[in-house]
Amino acid sequence: AQRAVDKALQAGVGLAILVEGSPTCGSTYVHDGTFTGVTIAGRGVAAEALRRRGIPVFSHYDLDRAAAALAEHERQHGNG
């Protein structure tokens, strides 16, 4: 997770789109680790680490919101 954050910060990433449900990448829920399909509310370790460093994280199911956030980021930072 820390390497992902370091690379994202070095690259100037404006946001991350991660796979929902993953224990690493889940942005609203994660699998509980029992391999039974049970999920629990919460964030994966990389998703949480990115958010703590100010990088917004979106689920791969929420691409419309991610696109809107990216457009706003680009307007604010002169990249769009």
Protein backbone atom coordinates (compact mmCIF):
# COMPACT_ATOMS: atom_id res chain seq x y z
CA ALA A 1 0.00 0.00 0.00
CA GLN A 2 2.79 2.42 0.85
CA ARG A 3 4.52 1.82 -2.48
CA ALA A 4 1.27 2.57 -4.28
CA VAL A 5 0.93 5.84 -2.36
CA ASP A 6 4.56 6.79 -3.02
CA LYS A 7 4.21 6.10 -6.76
CA ALA A 8 0.90 7.98 -6.94
CA LEU A 9 2.38 11.02 -5.20
CA GLN A 10 5.48 10.96 -7.43
CA ALA A 11 3.30 10.80 -10.54
CA GLY A 12 0.99 13.59 -9.37
CA VAL A 13 -2.07 11.37 -9.49
CA GLY A 14 -5.32 13.31 -9.05
CA LEU A 15 -7.49 10.35 -8.07
CA ALA A 16 -7.53 6.57 -8.02
CA ILE A 17 -10.06 4.11 -9.42
CA LEU A 18 -9.77 0.82 -7.56
CA VAL A 19 -11.56 -2.54 -7.57
CA GLU A 20 -14.40 -2.56 -5.05
CA GLY A 21 -14.42 -5.39 -2.53
CA SER A 22 -10.70 -6.07 -2.61
CA PRO A 23 -9.04 -6.16 0.84
CA THR A 24 -6.44 -3.83 -0.65
CA CYS A 25 -8.49 -1.63 -2.93
CA GLY A 26 -12.09 -1.61 -1.69
CA SER A 27 -13.37 1.93 -1.30
CA THR A 28 -16.64 1.22 0.52
CA TYR A 29 -16.56 -2.51 1.33
CA VAL A 30 -14.07 -5.37 1.46
CA HIS A 31 -14.27 -9.15 1.57
CA ASP A 32 -13.84 -10.38 5.13
CA GLY A 33 -10.99 -12.78 4.35
CA THR A 34 -12.93 -16.00 4.95
CA PHE A 35 -13.31 -16.76 1.23
CA THR A 36 -17.05 -17.24 1.73
CA GLY A 37 -18.18 -14.16 -0.21
CA VAL A 38 -18.99 -12.22 2.95
CA THR A 39 -18.26 -8.51 2.73
CA ILE A 40 -17.98 -5.86 5.41
CA ALA A 41 -18.18 -2.09 5.25
CA GLY A 42 -14.80 -0.41 5.14
CA ARG A 43 -11.81 0.44 3.00
CA GLY A 44 -8.91 -1.66 1.82
CA VAL A 45 -5.42 -0.85 3.04
CA ALA A 46 -4.26 0.88 -0.17
CA ALA A 47 -7.54 2.77 -0.58
CA GLU A 48 -7.27 4.08 2.97
CA ALA A 49 -3.58 4.97 2.58
CA LEU A 50 -4.31 6.92 -0.62
CA ARG A 51 -7.18 8.80 1.02
CA ARG A 52 -5.04 9.69 4.05
CA ARG A 53 -2.58 11.33 1.63
CA GLY A 54 -5.35 13.33 -0.02
CA ILE A 55 -5.91 11.22 -3.13
CA PRO A 56 -9.63 10.61 -3.68
CA VAL A 57 -10.49 6.96 -4.27
CA PHE A 58 -13.40 5.76 -6.38
CA SER A 59 -14.84 2.33 -6.99
CA HIS A 60 -14.66 0.85 -10.47
CA TYR A 61 -18.47 0.84 -10.22
CA ASP A 62 -18.53 4.63 -9.83
CA LEU A 63 -16.83 5.83 -13.01
CA ASP A 64 -19.24 8.73 -13.61
CA ARG A 65 -18.39 10.30 -10.23
CA ALA A 66 -14.69 9.62 -10.82
CA ALA A 67 -14.83 11.35 -14.21
CA ALA A 68 -16.57 14.38 -12.69
CA ALA A 69 -13.98 14.56 -9.90
CA LEU A 70 -11.14 14.28 -12.41
CA ALA A 71 -12.60 17.07 -14.54
CA GLU A 72 -12.84 19.27 -11.44
CA HIS A 73 -9.27 18.39 -10.43
CA GLU A 74 -8.02 19.32 -13.90
CA ARG A 75 -9.92 22.65 -13.81
CA GLN A 76 -8.39 23.49 -10.44
CA HIS A 77 -4.87 22.50 -11.43
CA GLY A 78 -4.82 23.90 -14.96
CA ASN A 79 -4.67 20.53 -16.73
CA GLY A 80 -7.97 20.64 -18.50
